[in-house]
PDB file of N, CA and C in Angstrom:
ATOM      1  N   MET A   1       0.816  -1.194   0.000  1.00  0.00           N
ATOM      2  CA  MET A   1       0.000   0.000   0.000  1.00  0.00           C
ATOM      3  C   MET A   1       0.864   1.265   0.000  1.00  0.00           C
ATOM      4  N   ALA A   2       2.118   1.125   0.358  1.00  0.00           N
ATOM      5  CA  ALA A   2       3.002   2.287   0.419  1.00  0.00           C
ATOM      6  C   ALA A   2       3.237   2.885  -0.967  1.00  0.00           C
ATOM      7  N   GLU A   3       3.173   2.047  -2.003  1.00  0.00           N
ATOM      8  CA  GLU A   3       3.415   2.597  -3.345  1.00  0.00           C
ATOM      9  C   GLU A   3       2.261   3.476  -3.822  1.00  0.00           C
ATOM     10  N   PHE A   4       1.113   3.392  -3.134  1.00  0.00           N
ATOM     11  CA  PHE A   4      -0.046   4.198  -3.528  1.00  0.00           C
ATOM     12  C   PHE A   4      -0.223   5.437  -2.665  1.00  0.00           C
ATOM     13  N   SER A   5       0.685   5.700  -1.741  1.00  0.00           N
ATOM     14  CA  SER A   5       0.519   6.833  -0.837  1.00  0.00           C
ATOM     15  C   SER A   5       0.582   8.171  -1.583  1.00  0.00           C
ATOM     16  N   LYS A   6       1.404   8.245  -2.611  1.00  0.00           N
ATOM     17  CA  LYS A   6       1.493   9.491  -3.377  1.00  0.00           C
ATOM     18  C   LYS A   6       0.170   9.761  -4.103  1.00  0.00           C
ATOM     19  N   LEU A   7      -0.451   8.698  -4.635  1.00  0.00           N
ATOM     20  CA  LEU A   7      -1.755   8.871  -5.279  1.00  0.00           C
ATOM     21  C   LEU A   7      -2.801   9.338  -4.279  1.00  0.00           C
ATOM     22  N   ASN A   8      -2.797   8.763  -3.085  1.00  0.00           N
ATOM     23  CA  ASN A   8      -3.738   9.191  -2.050  1.00  0.00           C
ATOM     24  C   ASN A   8      -3.589  10.680  -1.761  1.00  0.00           C
ATOM     25  N   ASN A   9      -2.359  11.132  -1.638  1.00  0.00           N
ATOM     26  CA  ASN A   9      -2.116  12.546  -1.357  1.00  0.00           C
ATOM     27  C   ASN A   9      -2.571  13.438  -2.511  1.00  0.00           C
ATOM     28  N   LEU A  10      -2.321  13.022  -3.734  1.00  0.00           N
ATOM     29  CA  LEU A  10      -2.707  13.839  -4.881  1.00  0.00           C
ATOM     30  C   LEU A  10      -4.223  13.950  -5.002  1.00  0.00           C
ATOM     31  N   TYR A  11      -4.927  12.844  -4.810  1.00  0.00           N
ATOM     32  CA  TYR A  11      -6.382  12.912  -4.864  1.00  0.00           C
ATOM     33  C   TYR A  11      -6.940  13.741  -3.716  1.00  0.00           C
ATOM     34  N   TRP A  12      -6.293  13.694  -2.563  1.00  0.00           N
ATOM     35  CA  TRP A  12      -6.721  14.521  -1.443  1.00  0.00           C
ATOM     36  C   TRP A  12      -6.583  15.996  -1.803  1.00  0.00           C
ATOM     37  N   GLN A  13      -5.484  16.359  -2.451  1.00  0.00           N
ATOM     38  CA  GLN A  13      -5.270  17.748  -2.868  1.00  0.00           C
ATOM     39  C   GLN A  13      -6.356  18.203  -3.837  1.00  0.00           C
ATOM     40  N   ILE A  14      -6.761  17.324  -4.740  1.00  0.00           N
ATOM     41  CA  ILE A  14      -7.810  17.673  -5.704  1.00  0.00           C
ATOM     42  C   ILE A  14      -9.130  17.912  -4.984  1.00  0.00           C
ATOM     43  N   ARG A  15      -9.433  17.059  -4.012  1.00  0.00           N
ATOM     44  CA  ARG A  15     -10.699  17.195  -3.296  1.00  0.00           C
ATOM     45  C   ARG A  15     -10.813  18.514  -2.551  1.00  0.00           C
ATOM     46  N   TYR A  16      -9.722  19.010  -2.008  1.00  0.00           N
ATOM     47  CA  TYR A  16      -9.784  20.171  -1.139  1.00  0.00           C
ATOM     48  C   TYR A  16      -9.283  21.459  -1.777  1.00  0.00           C
ATOM     49  N   THR A  17      -9.257  21.530  -3.085  1.00  0.00           N
ATOM     50  CA  THR A  17      -8.941  22.790  -3.742  1.00  0.00           C
ATOM     51  C   THR A  17     -10.112  23.181  -4.639  1.00  0.00           C
ATOM     52  N   ARG A  18     -10.270  24.459  -4.803  1.00  0.00           N
ATOM     53  CA  ARG A  18     -11.374  24.966  -5.632  1.00  0.00           C
ATOM     54  C   ARG A  18     -10.883  25.617  -6.926  1.00  0.00           C
ATOM     55  N   ILE A  19      -9.604  25.806  -7.050  1.00  0.00           N
ATOM     56  CA  ILE A  19      -9.025  26.474  -8.212  1.00  0.00           C
ATOM     57  C   ILE A  19      -8.833  25.451  -9.326  1.00  0.00           C
ATOM     58  N   LYS A  20      -9.471  25.696 -10.466  1.00  0.00           N
ATOM     59  CA  LYS A  20      -9.470  24.710 -11.544  1.00  0.00           C
ATOM     60  C   LYS A  20      -8.084  24.460 -12.128  1.00  0.00           C
ATOM     61  N   SER A  21      -7.274  25.482 -12.225  1.00  0.00           N
ATOM     62  CA  SER A  21      -5.934  25.284 -12.790  1.00  0.00           C
ATOM     63  C   SER A  21      -5.075  24.418 -11.869  1.00  0.00           C
ATOM     64  N   VAL A  22      -5.287  24.536 -10.585  1.00  0.00           N
ATOM     65  CA  VAL A  22      -4.543  23.707  -9.627  1.00  0.00           C
ATOM     66  C   VAL A  22      -5.012  22.262  -9.731  1.00  0.00           C
ATOM     67  N   LYS A  23      -6.314  22.054  -9.896  1.00  0.00           N
ATOM     68  CA  LYS A  23      -6.846  20.700 -10.063  1.00  0.00           C
ATOM     69  C   LYS A  23      -6.257  20.044 -11.303  1.00  0.00           C
ATOM     70  N   ARG A  24      -6.174  20.783 -12.402  1.00  0.00           N
ATOM     71  CA  ARG A  24      -5.591  20.234 -13.631  1.00  0.00           C
ATOM     72  C   ARG A  24      -4.139  19.839 -13.417  1.00  0.00           C
ATOM     73  N   LYS A  25      -3.418  20.663 -12.660  1.00  0.00           N
ATOM     74  CA  LYS A  25      -2.013  20.369 -12.367  1.00  0.00           C
ATOM     75  C   LYS A  25      -1.894  19.046 -11.613  1.00  0.00           C
ATOM     76  N   TYR A  26      -2.757  18.843 -10.623  1.00  0.00           N
ATOM     77  CA  TYR A  26      -2.709  17.593  -9.857  1.00  0.00           C
ATOM     78  C   TYR A  26      -3.138  16.397 -10.696  1.00  0.00           C
ATOM     79  N   TYR A  27      -4.088  16.582 -11.610  1.00  0.00           N
ATOM     80  CA  TYR A  27      -4.459  15.480 -12.495  1.00  0.00           C
ATOM     81  C   TYR A  27      -3.302  15.089 -13.410  1.00  0.00           C
ATOM     82  N   ARG A  28      -2.496  16.069 -13.819  1.00  0.00           N
ATOM     83  CA  ARG A  28      -1.304  15.741 -14.616  1.00  0.00           C
ATOM     84  C   ARG A  28      -0.294  14.963 -13.774  1.00  0.00           C
ATOM     85  N   TYR A  29      -0.123  15.352 -12.519  1.00  0.00           N
ATOM     86  CA  TYR A  29       0.760  14.605 -11.618  1.00  0.00           C
ATOM     87  C   TYR A  29       0.264  13.178 -11.424  1.00  0.00           C
ATOM     88  N   ILE A  30      -1.053  13.019 -11.314  1.00  0.00           N
ATOM     89  CA  ILE A  30      -1.635  11.684 -11.139  1.00  0.00           C
ATOM     90  C   ILE A  30      -1.371  10.823 -12.363  1.00  0.00           C
ATOM     91  N   ALA A  31      -1.544  11.378 -13.549  1.00  0.00           N
ATOM     92  CA  ALA A  31      -1.300  10.616 -14.771  1.00  0.00           C
ATOM     93  C   ALA A  31       0.162  10.162 -14.841  1.00  0.00           C
ATOM     94  N   LYS A  32       1.062  11.042 -14.460  1.00  0.00           N
ATOM     95  CA  LYS A  32       2.485  10.694 -14.461  1.00  0.00           C
ATOM     96  C   LYS A  32       2.783   9.595 -13.441  1.00  0.00           C
ATOM     97  N   GLU A  33       2.192   9.690 -12.253  1.00  0.00           N
ATOM     98  CA  GLU A  33       2.407   8.695 -11.213  1.00  0.00           C
ATOM     99  C   GLU A  33       1.820   7.346 -11.611  1.00  0.00           C
ATOM    100  N   LYS A  34       0.637   7.352 -12.244  1.00  0.00           N
ATOM    101  CA  LYS A  34       0.030   6.108 -12.699  1.00  0.00           C
ATOM    102  C   LYS A  34       0.903   5.430 -13.745  1.00  0.00           C
ATOM    103  N   LYS A  35       1.477   6.216 -14.645  1.00  0.00           N
ATOM    104  CA  LYS A  35       2.356   5.663 -15.665  1.00  0.00           C
ATOM    105  C   LYS A  35       3.580   5.012 -15.029  1.00  0.00           C
ATOM    106  N   CYS A  36       4.160   5.667 -14.040  1.00  0.00           N
ATOM    107  CA  CYS A  36       5.327   5.097 -13.342  1.00  0.00           C
ATOM    108  C   CYS A  36       4.962   3.817 -12.608  1.00  0.00           C
ATOM    109  N   LEU A  37       3.794   3.776 -11.979  1.00  0.00           N
ATOM    110  CA  LEU A  37       3.374   2.583 -11.257  1.00  0.00           C
ATOM    111  C   LEU A  37       3.149   1.409 -12.204  1.00  0.00           C
ATOM    112  N   ILE A  38       2.542   1.680 -13.351  1.00  0.00           N
ATOM    113  CA  ILE A  38       2.306   0.615 -14.331  1.00  0.00           C
ATOM    114  C   ILE A  38       3.631   0.071 -14.852  1.00  0.00           C
ATOM    115  N   GLU A  39       4.586   0.963 -15.099  1.00  0.00           N
ATOM    116  CA  GLU A  39       5.903   0.518 -15.578  1.00  0.00           C
ATOM    117  C   GLU A  39       6.652  -0.280 -14.516  1.00  0.00           C
ATOM    118  N   SER A  40       6.353  -0.024 -13.244  1.00  0.00           N
ATOM    119  CA  SER A  40       7.042  -0.749 -12.180  1.00  0.00           C
ATOM    120  C   SER A  40       6.409  -2.099 -11.881  1.00  0.00           C
ATOM    121  N   GLY A  41       5.295  -2.411 -12.540  1.00  0.00           N
ATOM    122  CA  GLY A  41       4.722  -3.739 -12.405  1.00  0.00           C
ATOM    123  C   GLY A  41       3.443  -3.840 -11.598  1.00  0.00           C
ATOM    124  N   VAL A  42       2.809  -2.726 -11.283  1.00  0.00           N
ATOM    125  CA  VAL A  42       1.545  -2.757 -10.550  1.00  0.00           C
ATOM    126  C   VAL A  42       0.444  -3.242 -11.488  1.00  0.00           C
ATOM    127  N   ASP A  43      -0.474  -4.031 -10.949  1.00  0.00           N
ATOM    128  CA  ASP A  43      -1.592  -4.538 -11.735  1.00  0.00           C
ATOM    129  C   ASP A  43      -2.457  -3.368 -12.215  1.00  0.00           C
ATOM    130  N   VAL A  44      -2.725  -3.315 -13.511  1.00  0.00           N
ATOM    131  CA  VAL A  44      -3.443  -2.201 -14.113  1.00  0.00           C
ATOM    132  C   VAL A  44      -4.876  -2.127 -13.587  1.00  0.00           C
ATOM    133  N   GLU A  45      -5.529  -3.261 -13.449  1.00  0.00           N
ATOM    134  CA  GLU A  45      -6.910  -3.269 -12.972  1.00  0.00           C
ATOM    135  C   GLU A  45      -6.989  -2.805 -11.516  1.00  0.00           C
ATOM    136  N   GLU A  46      -6.048  -3.223 -10.697  1.00  0.00           N
ATOM    137  CA  GLU A  46      -6.019  -2.785  -9.298  1.00  0.00           C
ATOM    138  C   GLU A  46      -5.823  -1.271  -9.218  1.00  0.00           C
ATOM    139  N   LEU A  47      -4.935  -0.758 -10.046  1.00  0.00           N
ATOM    140  CA  LEU A  47      -4.684   0.677 -10.074  1.00  0.00           C
ATOM    141  C   LEU A  47      -5.917   1.438 -10.543  1.00  0.00           C
ATOM    142  N   ARG A  48      -6.584   0.935 -11.552  1.00  0.00           N
ATOM    143  CA  ARG A  48      -7.794   1.584 -12.066  1.00  0.00           C
ATOM    144  C   ARG A  48      -8.874   1.643 -10.994  1.00  0.00           C
ATOM    145  N   LEU A  49      -9.067   0.525 -10.297  1.00  0.00           N
ATOM    146  CA  LEU A  49     -10.087   0.499  -9.249  1.00  0.00           C
ATOM    147  C   LEU A  49      -9.743   1.401  -8.075  1.00  0.00           C
ATOM    148  N   LEU A  50      -8.472   1.442  -7.724  1.00  0.00           N
ATOM    149  CA  LEU A  50      -8.058   2.317  -6.638  1.00  0.00           C
ATOM    150  C   LEU A  50      -8.300   3.786  -6.999  1.00  0.00           C
ATOM    151  N   CYS A  51      -7.931   4.170  -8.201  1.00  0.00           N
ATOM    152  CA  CYS A  51      -8.124   5.556  -8.632  1.00  0.00           C
ATOM    153  C   CYS A  51      -9.609   5.905  -8.711  1.00  0.00           C
ATOM    154  N   ARG A  52     -10.410   4.958  -9.125  1.00  0.00           N
ATOM    155  CA  ARG A  52     -11.852   5.191  -9.166  1.00  0.00           C
ATOM    156  C   ARG A  52     -12.398   5.398  -7.760  1.00  0.00           C
ATOM    157  N   HIS A  53     -11.918   4.597  -6.820  1.00  0.00           N
ATOM    158  CA  HIS A  53     -12.346   4.741  -5.430  1.00  0.00           C
ATOM    159  C   HIS A  53     -11.900   6.083  -4.856  1.00  0.00           C
ATOM    160  N   LEU A  54     -10.663   6.482  -5.104  1.00  0.00           N
ATOM    161  CA  LEU A  54     -10.149   7.721  -4.552  1.00  0.00           C
ATOM    162  C   LEU A  54     -10.840   8.944  -5.148  1.00  0.00           C
ATOM    163  N   SER A  55     -11.244   8.869  -6.383  1.00  0.00           N
ATOM    164  CA  SER A  55     -11.885  10.034  -7.013  1.00  0.00           C
ATOM    165  C   SER A  55     -13.340  10.181  -6.627  1.00  0.00           C
ATOM    166  N   ASN A  56     -13.957   9.136  -6.073  1.00  0.00           N
ATOM    167  CA  ASN A  56     -15.378   9.199  -5.716  1.00  0.00           C
ATOM    168  C   ASN A  56     -15.621   9.380  -4.232  1.00  0.00           C
ATOM    169  N   HIS A  57     -14.676   9.935  -3.514  1.00  0.00           N
ATOM    170  CA  HIS A  57     -14.871  10.122  -2.075  1.00  0.00           C
ATOM    171  C   HIS A  57     -15.931  11.149  -1.812  1.00  0.00           C
TER     172      HIS A  57
END
């Protein structure tokens, strides 16, 4: 679960900001982090479900 802590923090930042340009910046960071996780061998379906869960809080 430690490899997903950065994603948790990024989604938390998106939830608690109201500035749209800042939200877009964090979504770009999330896309970059997801790409790195997939390249490191994380299951794609697990990552997809986790991101879906984090975005629907």
